[in-house]
PDB file of N, CA and C in Angstrom:
ATOM      1  N   UNK A   1      11.707  -6.862  23.922  1.00  0.00           N
ATOM      2  CA  UNK A   1      10.720  -7.220  24.861  1.00  0.00           C
ATOM      3  C   UNK A   1      10.201  -5.896  25.428  1.00  0.00           C
ATOM      4  N   UNK A   2       8.981  -5.624  25.755  1.00  0.00           N
ATOM      5  CA  UNK A   2       8.589  -4.618  26.271  1.00  0.00           C
ATOM      6  C   UNK A   2       7.581  -4.842  27.445  1.00  0.00           C
ATOM      7  N   UNK A   3       7.332  -6.216  28.050  1.00  0.00           N
ATOM      8  CA  UNK A   3       6.387  -6.387  28.772  1.00  0.00           C
ATOM      9  C   UNK A   3       6.533  -5.525  30.059  1.00  0.00           C
ATOM     10  N   UNK A   4       5.479  -4.748  30.416  1.00  0.00           N
ATOM     11  CA  UNK A   4       5.682  -4.342  31.825  1.00  0.00           C
ATOM     12  C   UNK A   4       6.255  -2.699  31.680  1.00  0.00           C
ATOM     13  N   UNK A   5       6.643  -2.494  30.219  1.00  0.00           N
ATOM     14  CA  UNK A   5       7.658  -0.994  30.033  1.00  0.00           C
ATOM     15  C   UNK A   5       6.669  -0.172  29.365  1.00  0.00           C
ATOM     16  N   UNK A   6       6.377   1.071  30.379  1.00  0.00           N
ATOM     17  CA  UNK A   6       5.144   1.904  29.519  1.00  0.00           C
ATOM     18  C   UNK A   6       5.650   2.662  28.404  1.00  0.00           C
ATOM     19  N   UNK A   7       5.229   2.194  27.134  1.00  0.00           N
ATOM     20  CA  UNK A   7       5.193   2.927  25.880  1.00  0.00           C
ATOM     21  C   UNK A   7       4.281   3.836  25.162  1.00  0.00           C
ATOM     22  N   UNK A   8       4.440   5.015  24.854  1.00  0.00           N
ATOM     23  CA  UNK A   8       3.569   5.580  23.918  1.00  0.00           C
ATOM     24  C   UNK A   8       2.859   4.839  23.256  1.00  0.00           C
ATOM     25  N   UNK A   9       1.796   5.248  22.636  1.00  0.00           N
ATOM     26  CA  UNK A   9       0.971   4.721  21.563  1.00  0.00           C
ATOM     27  C   UNK A   9       1.969   4.599  20.576  1.00  0.00           C
ATOM     28  N   UNK A  10       2.458   5.880  20.175  1.00  0.00           N
ATOM     29  CA  UNK A  10       3.297   6.045  18.859  1.00  0.00           C
ATOM     30  C   UNK A  10       4.513   5.066  19.009  1.00  0.00           C
ATOM     31  N   UNK A  11       5.112   4.875  20.273  1.00  0.00           N
ATOM     32  CA  UNK A  11       6.567   3.996  20.390  1.00  0.00           C
ATOM     33  C   UNK A  11       5.873   2.867  20.214  1.00  0.00           C
ATOM     34  N   UNK A  12       4.697   2.214  20.853  1.00  0.00           N
ATOM     35  CA  UNK A  12       4.265   1.042  20.692  1.00  0.00           C
ATOM     36  C   UNK A  12       4.120   0.472  19.244  1.00  0.00           C
ATOM     37  N   UNK A  13       3.398   1.494  18.259  1.00  0.00           N
ATOM     38  CA  UNK A  13       3.351   1.137  16.796  1.00  0.00           C
ATOM     39  C   UNK A  13       4.902   1.383  16.068  1.00  0.00           C
ATOM     40  N   UNK A  14       5.255   2.054  16.376  1.00  0.00           N
ATOM     41  CA  UNK A  14       6.786   2.150  15.717  1.00  0.00           C
ATOM     42  C   UNK A  14       7.791   0.853  15.991  1.00  0.00           C
ATOM     43  N   UNK A  15       7.686   0.433  17.285  1.00  0.00           N
ATOM     44  CA  UNK A  15       8.392  -0.992  17.468  1.00  0.00           C
ATOM     45  C   UNK A  15       7.775  -2.015  16.833  1.00  0.00           C
ATOM     46  N   UNK A  16       6.597  -1.941  16.963  1.00  0.00           N
ATOM     47  CA  UNK A  16       5.605  -3.342  16.206  1.00  0.00           C
ATOM     48  C   UNK A  16       6.120  -3.312  14.914  1.00  0.00           C
ATOM     49  N   UNK A  17       6.173  -2.188  13.941  1.00  0.00           N
ATOM     50  CA  UNK A  17       6.498  -1.986  12.849  1.00  0.00           C
ATOM     51  C   UNK A  17       7.840  -2.559  12.376  1.00  0.00           C
ATOM     52  N   UNK A  18       9.028  -1.827  13.192  1.00  0.00           N
ATOM     53  CA  UNK A  18      10.251  -2.370  13.128  1.00  0.00           C
ATOM     54  C   UNK A  18      10.302  -3.839  13.019  1.00  0.00           C
ATOM     55  N   UNK A  19       9.683  -4.280  13.893  1.00  0.00           N
ATOM     56  CA  UNK A  19       9.695  -5.896  14.023  1.00  0.00           C
ATOM     57  C   UNK A  19       8.804  -6.726  12.861  1.00  0.00           C
ATOM     58  N   UNK A  20       8.598  -5.798  11.954  1.00  0.00           N
ATOM     59  CA  UNK A  20       7.724  -6.604  10.872  1.00  0.00           C
ATOM     60  C   UNK A  20       6.185  -7.051  11.121  1.00  0.00           C
ATOM     61  N   UNK A  21       5.632  -6.269  12.403  1.00  0.00           N
ATOM     62  CA  UNK A  21       4.191  -6.729  12.563  1.00  0.00           C
ATOM     63  C   UNK A  21       3.309  -5.723  12.028  1.00  0.00           C
ATOM     64  N   UNK A  22       2.231  -6.016  11.291  1.00  0.00           N
ATOM     65  CA  UNK A  22       1.463  -5.008  10.928  1.00  0.00           C
ATOM     66  C   UNK A  22       0.872  -4.129  11.655  1.00  0.00           C
ATOM     67  N   UNK A  23       0.703  -2.764  11.600  1.00  0.00           N
ATOM     68  CA  UNK A  23      -0.067  -1.675  12.554  1.00  0.00           C
ATOM     69  C   UNK A  23      -0.798  -1.153  11.497  1.00  0.00           C
ATOM     70  N   UNK A  24      -1.994  -0.488  12.195  1.00  0.00           N
ATOM     71  CA  UNK A  24      -2.845   0.287  11.398  1.00  0.00           C
ATOM     72  C   UNK A  24      -2.088   1.444  10.977  1.00  0.00           C
ATOM     73  N   UNK A  25      -2.627   2.301   9.966  1.00  0.00           N
ATOM     74  CA  UNK A  25      -2.314   3.414   9.426  1.00  0.00           C
ATOM     75  C   UNK A  25      -2.427   4.431  10.962  1.00  0.00           C
ATOM     76  N   UNK A  26      -1.380   5.226  11.116  1.00  0.00           N
ATOM     77  CA  UNK A  26      -1.409   6.265  12.509  1.00  0.00           C
ATOM     78  C   UNK A  26      -0.511   7.449  12.289  1.00  0.00           C
ATOM     79  N   UNK A  27      -0.741   8.415  12.995  1.00  0.00           N
ATOM     80  CA  UNK A  27      -0.153   9.435  12.854  1.00  0.00           C
ATOM     81  C   UNK A  27      -0.461  10.432  14.303  1.00  0.00           C
ATOM     82  N   UNK A  28       0.824  10.885  14.584  1.00  0.00           N
ATOM     83  CA  UNK A  28       0.550  11.685  16.013  1.00  0.00           C
ATOM     84  C   UNK A  28       0.234  13.132  15.874  1.00  0.00           C
ATOM     85  N   UNK A  29      -0.977  13.515  16.542  1.00  0.00           N
ATOM     86  CA  UNK A  29      -1.736  14.963  16.315  1.00  0.00           C
ATOM     87  C   UNK A  29      -0.960  15.567  17.319  1.00  0.00           C
ATOM     88  N   UNK A  30      -0.680  16.748  16.979  1.00  0.00           N
ATOM     89  CA  UNK A  30      -0.458  17.791  18.226  1.00  0.00           C
ATOM     90  C   UNK A  30      -0.952  19.017  17.896  1.00  0.00           C
ATOM     91  N   UNK A  31      -1.115  19.806  18.900  1.00  0.00           N
ATOM     92  CA  UNK A  31      -1.799  21.198  18.932  1.00  0.00           C
ATOM     93  C   UNK A  31      -1.149  22.076  17.831  1.00  0.00           C
ATOM     94  N   UNK A  32       0.062  21.945  17.871  1.00  0.00           N
ATOM     95  CA  UNK A  32       0.783  22.861  16.943  1.00  0.00           C
ATOM     96  C   UNK A  32       0.630  22.435  15.307  1.00  0.00           C
ATOM     97  N   UNK A  33       0.511  21.119  15.052  1.00  0.00           N
ATOM     98  CA  UNK A  33       0.505  20.867  13.471  1.00  0.00           C
ATOM     99  C   UNK A  33      -0.681  20.079  13.106  1.00  0.00           C
ATOM    100  N   UNK A  34      -1.128  20.314  11.930  1.00  0.00           N
ATOM    101  CA  UNK A  34      -2.161  19.643  11.203  1.00  0.00           C
ATOM    102  C   UNK A  34      -1.294  18.468  10.582  1.00  0.00           C
ATOM    103  N   UNK A  35      -1.643  17.194  10.790  1.00  0.00           N
ATOM    104  CA  UNK A  35      -1.222  16.316   9.907  1.00  0.00           C
ATOM    105  C   UNK A  35      -2.094  16.082   8.762  1.00  0.00           C
ATOM    106  N   UNK A  36      -1.293  15.445   7.650  1.00  0.00           N
ATOM    107  CA  UNK A  36      -2.126  15.056   6.443  1.00  0.00           C
ATOM    108  C   UNK A  36      -2.768  13.688   6.589  1.00  0.00           C
ATOM    109  N   UNK A  37      -3.917  13.673   6.486  1.00  0.00           N
ATOM    110  CA  UNK A  37      -4.838  12.565   6.753  1.00  0.00           C
ATOM    111  C   UNK A  37      -5.363  12.225   5.528  1.00  0.00           C
ATOM    112  N   UNK A  38      -4.894  12.506   4.544  1.00  0.00           N
ATOM    113  CA  UNK A  38      -5.565  12.280   3.204  1.00  0.00           C
ATOM    114  C   UNK A  38      -5.823  10.952   2.732  1.00  0.00           C
ATOM    115  N   UNK A  39      -4.797   9.858   3.722  1.00  0.00           N
ATOM    116  CA  UNK A  39      -4.496   8.537   3.319  1.00  0.00           C
ATOM    117  C   UNK A  39      -5.684   7.933   4.226  1.00  0.00           C
ATOM    118  N   UNK A  40      -6.377   8.598   5.045  1.00  0.00           N
ATOM    119  CA  UNK A  40      -7.345   8.063   5.948  1.00  0.00           C
ATOM    120  C   UNK A  40      -8.721   8.139   5.525  1.00  0.00           C
ATOM    121  N   UNK A  41      -9.673   6.950   5.780  1.00  0.00           N
ATOM    122  CA  UNK A  41     -10.955   7.308   5.334  1.00  0.00           C
ATOM    123  C   UNK A  41     -11.681   8.249   6.293  1.00  0.00           C
ATOM    124  N   UNK A  42     -13.120   8.628   6.023  1.00  0.00           N
ATOM    125  CA  UNK A  42     -13.591   9.382   6.525  1.00  0.00           C
ATOM    126  C   UNK A  42     -13.910   9.600   8.346  1.00  0.00           C
ATOM    127  N   UNK A  43     -13.614   8.748   8.960  1.00  0.00           N
ATOM    128  CA  UNK A  43     -13.672   8.979  10.336  1.00  0.00           C
ATOM    129  C   UNK A  43     -12.289   8.184  10.712  1.00  0.00           C
ATOM    130  N   UNK A  44     -11.635   8.332  11.995  1.00  0.00           N
ATOM    131  CA  UNK A  44     -10.401   8.235  12.195  1.00  0.00           C
ATOM    132  C   UNK A  44     -10.658   7.958  13.798  1.00  0.00           C
ATOM    133  N   UNK A  45     -10.079   6.986  14.497  1.00  0.00           N
ATOM    134  CA  UNK A  45      -9.984   6.953  16.112  1.00  0.00           C
ATOM    135  C   UNK A  45      -8.891   7.570  16.729  1.00  0.00           C
ATOM    136  N   UNK A  46      -9.152   8.297  17.501  1.00  0.00           N
ATOM    137  CA  UNK A  46      -8.222   9.605  18.192  1.00  0.00           C
ATOM    138  C   UNK A  46      -7.965   8.981  19.584  1.00  0.00           C
ATOM    139  N   UNK A  47      -7.000   8.760  19.894  1.00  0.00           N
ATOM    140  CA  UNK A  47      -6.773   8.233  21.360  1.00  0.00           C
ATOM    141  C   UNK A  47      -5.461   9.068  21.644  1.00  0.00           C
ATOM    142  N   UNK A  48      -5.287   8.792  23.092  1.00  0.00           N
ATOM    143  CA  UNK A  48      -3.844   9.728  23.774  1.00  0.00           C
ATOM    144  C   UNK A  48      -2.771   8.791  23.489  1.00  0.00           C
ATOM    145  N   UNK A  49      -1.859   9.374  23.487  1.00  0.00           N
ATOM    146  CA  UNK A  49      -0.365   8.758  23.161  1.00  0.00           C
ATOM    147  C   UNK A  49      -0.049   8.063  24.399  1.00  0.00           C
ATOM    148  N   UNK A  50      -0.481   8.512  25.798  1.00  0.00           N
ATOM    149  CA  UNK A  50      -0.043   7.760  26.817  1.00  0.00           C
ATOM    150  C   UNK A  50      -1.675   7.677  27.543  1.00  0.00           C
ATOM    151  N   UNK A  51      -1.736   6.886  28.350  1.00  0.00           N
ATOM    152  CA  UNK A  51      -3.276   6.586  28.867  1.00  0.00           C
ATOM    153  C   UNK A  51      -3.352   5.180  29.158  1.00  0.00           C
ATOM    154  N   UNK A  52      -4.855   4.942  29.310  1.00  0.00           N
ATOM    155  CA  UNK A  52      -5.014   3.563  29.100  1.00  0.00           C
ATOM    156  C   UNK A  52      -6.572   3.088  29.508  1.00  0.00           C
ATOM    157  N   UNK A  53      -7.063   1.969  29.581  1.00  0.00           N
ATOM    158  CA  UNK A  53      -8.256   1.737  29.856  1.00  0.00           C
ATOM    159  C   UNK A  53      -9.258   2.540  28.814  1.00  0.00           C
ATOM    160  N   UNK A  54      -8.774   2.533  27.668  1.00  0.00           N
ATOM    161  CA  UNK A  54      -9.887   3.436  26.752  1.00  0.00           C
ATOM    162  C   UNK A  54     -10.141   4.678  27.125  1.00  0.00           C
ATOM    163  N   UNK A  55      -9.419   5.349  28.401  1.00  0.00           N
ATOM    164  CA  UNK A  55      -9.877   6.610  28.382  1.00  0.00           C
ATOM    165  C   UNK A  55      -9.223   7.521  27.230  1.00  0.00           C
ATOM    166  N   UNK A  56     -10.495   8.667  26.883  1.00  0.00           N
ATOM    167  CA  UNK A  56      -9.897   9.285  25.863  1.00  0.00           C
ATOM    168  C   UNK A  56     -10.393   8.758  24.446  1.00  0.00           C
ATOM    169  N   UNK A  57     -10.287   7.589  24.060  1.00  0.00           N
ATOM    170  CA  UNK A  57     -10.585   7.145  23.020  1.00  0.00           C
ATOM    171  C   UNK A  57     -11.881   7.687  22.344  1.00  0.00           C
ATOM    172  N   UNK A  58     -11.642   8.217  20.945  1.00  0.00           N
ATOM    173  CA  UNK A  58     -12.767   8.987  20.307  1.00  0.00           C
ATOM    174  C   UNK A  58     -13.022   8.586  18.919  1.00  0.00           C
ATOM    175  N   UNK A  59     -14.117   8.213  18.300  1.00  0.00           N
ATOM    176  CA  UNK A  59     -14.488   8.086  17.058  1.00  0.00           C
ATOM    177  C   UNK A  59     -14.881   9.338  16.178  1.00  0.00           C
ATOM    178  N   UNK A  60     -14.000   9.874  15.283  1.00  0.00           N
ATOM    179  CA  UNK A  60     -14.223  11.277  15.166  1.00  0.00           C
ATOM    180  C   UNK A  60     -14.201  11.565  13.445  1.00  0.00           C
ATOM    181  N   UNK A  61     -14.971  12.376  12.817  1.00  0.00           N
ATOM    182  CA  UNK A  61     -14.759  12.699  11.305  1.00  0.00           C
ATOM    183  C   UNK A  61     -13.657  13.171  11.076  1.00  0.00           C
ATOM    184  N   UNK A  62     -12.854  12.687   9.915  1.00  0.00           N
ATOM    185  CA  UNK A  62     -11.353  13.115   9.707  1.00  0.00           C
ATOM    186  C   UNK A  62     -11.488  14.471   9.549  1.00  0.00           C
ATOM    187  N   UNK A  63     -12.326  15.435   9.092  1.00  0.00           N
ATOM    188  CA  UNK A  63     -12.327  16.834   8.999  1.00  0.00           C
ATOM    189  C   UNK A  63     -12.379  17.690  10.082  1.00  0.00           C
ATOM    190  N   UNK A  64     -12.537  17.276  11.496  1.00  0.00           N
ATOM    191  CA  UNK A  64     -12.495  17.632  12.589  1.00  0.00           C
ATOM    192  C   UNK A  64     -11.405  17.090  13.681  1.00  0.00           C
ATOM    193  N   UNK A  65     -10.949  15.995  13.217  1.00  0.00           N
ATOM    194  CA  UNK A  65      -9.614  15.146  14.290  1.00  0.00           C
ATOM    195  C   UNK A  65      -8.727  15.922  14.518  1.00  0.00           C
ATOM    196  N   UNK A  66      -8.184  16.515  13.880  1.00  0.00           N
ATOM    197  CA  UNK A  66      -6.845  17.312  13.972  1.00  0.00           C
ATOM    198  C   UNK A  66      -7.210  18.586  14.857  1.00  0.00           C
ATOM    199  N   UNK A  67      -8.112  19.322  14.589  1.00  0.00           N
ATOM    200  CA  UNK A  67      -8.226  20.494  15.240  1.00  0.00           C
ATOM    201  C   UNK A  67      -9.116  20.366  16.561  1.00  0.00           C
ATOM    202  N   UNK A  68      -9.529  19.475  16.945  1.00  0.00           N
ATOM    203  CA  UNK A  68     -10.366  19.362  18.232  1.00  0.00           C
ATOM    204  C   UNK A  68      -9.894  18.670  19.308  1.00  0.00           C
ATOM    205  N   UNK A  69      -9.985  18.714  20.237  1.00  0.00           N
ATOM    206  CA  UNK A  69      -9.439  17.835  21.523  1.00  0.00           C
ATOM    207  C   UNK A  69     -10.919  17.123  22.287  1.00  0.00           C
TER     208      UNK A  69
END
């Protein structure tokens, strides 16, 4: 149970997947590495690992999603 416990988006998705709850495809973007996005469609939702209230959530083209902030 994680109610009221601050989790990053990646921790949240990992926990849900381990519990057998389906989650959308996701990958952590960093400034140092370009992830393999070949399994994703033409657009992806980019959001911060920590944050809230939809701040910094963007719909971006896959071709530029890993290279820009």
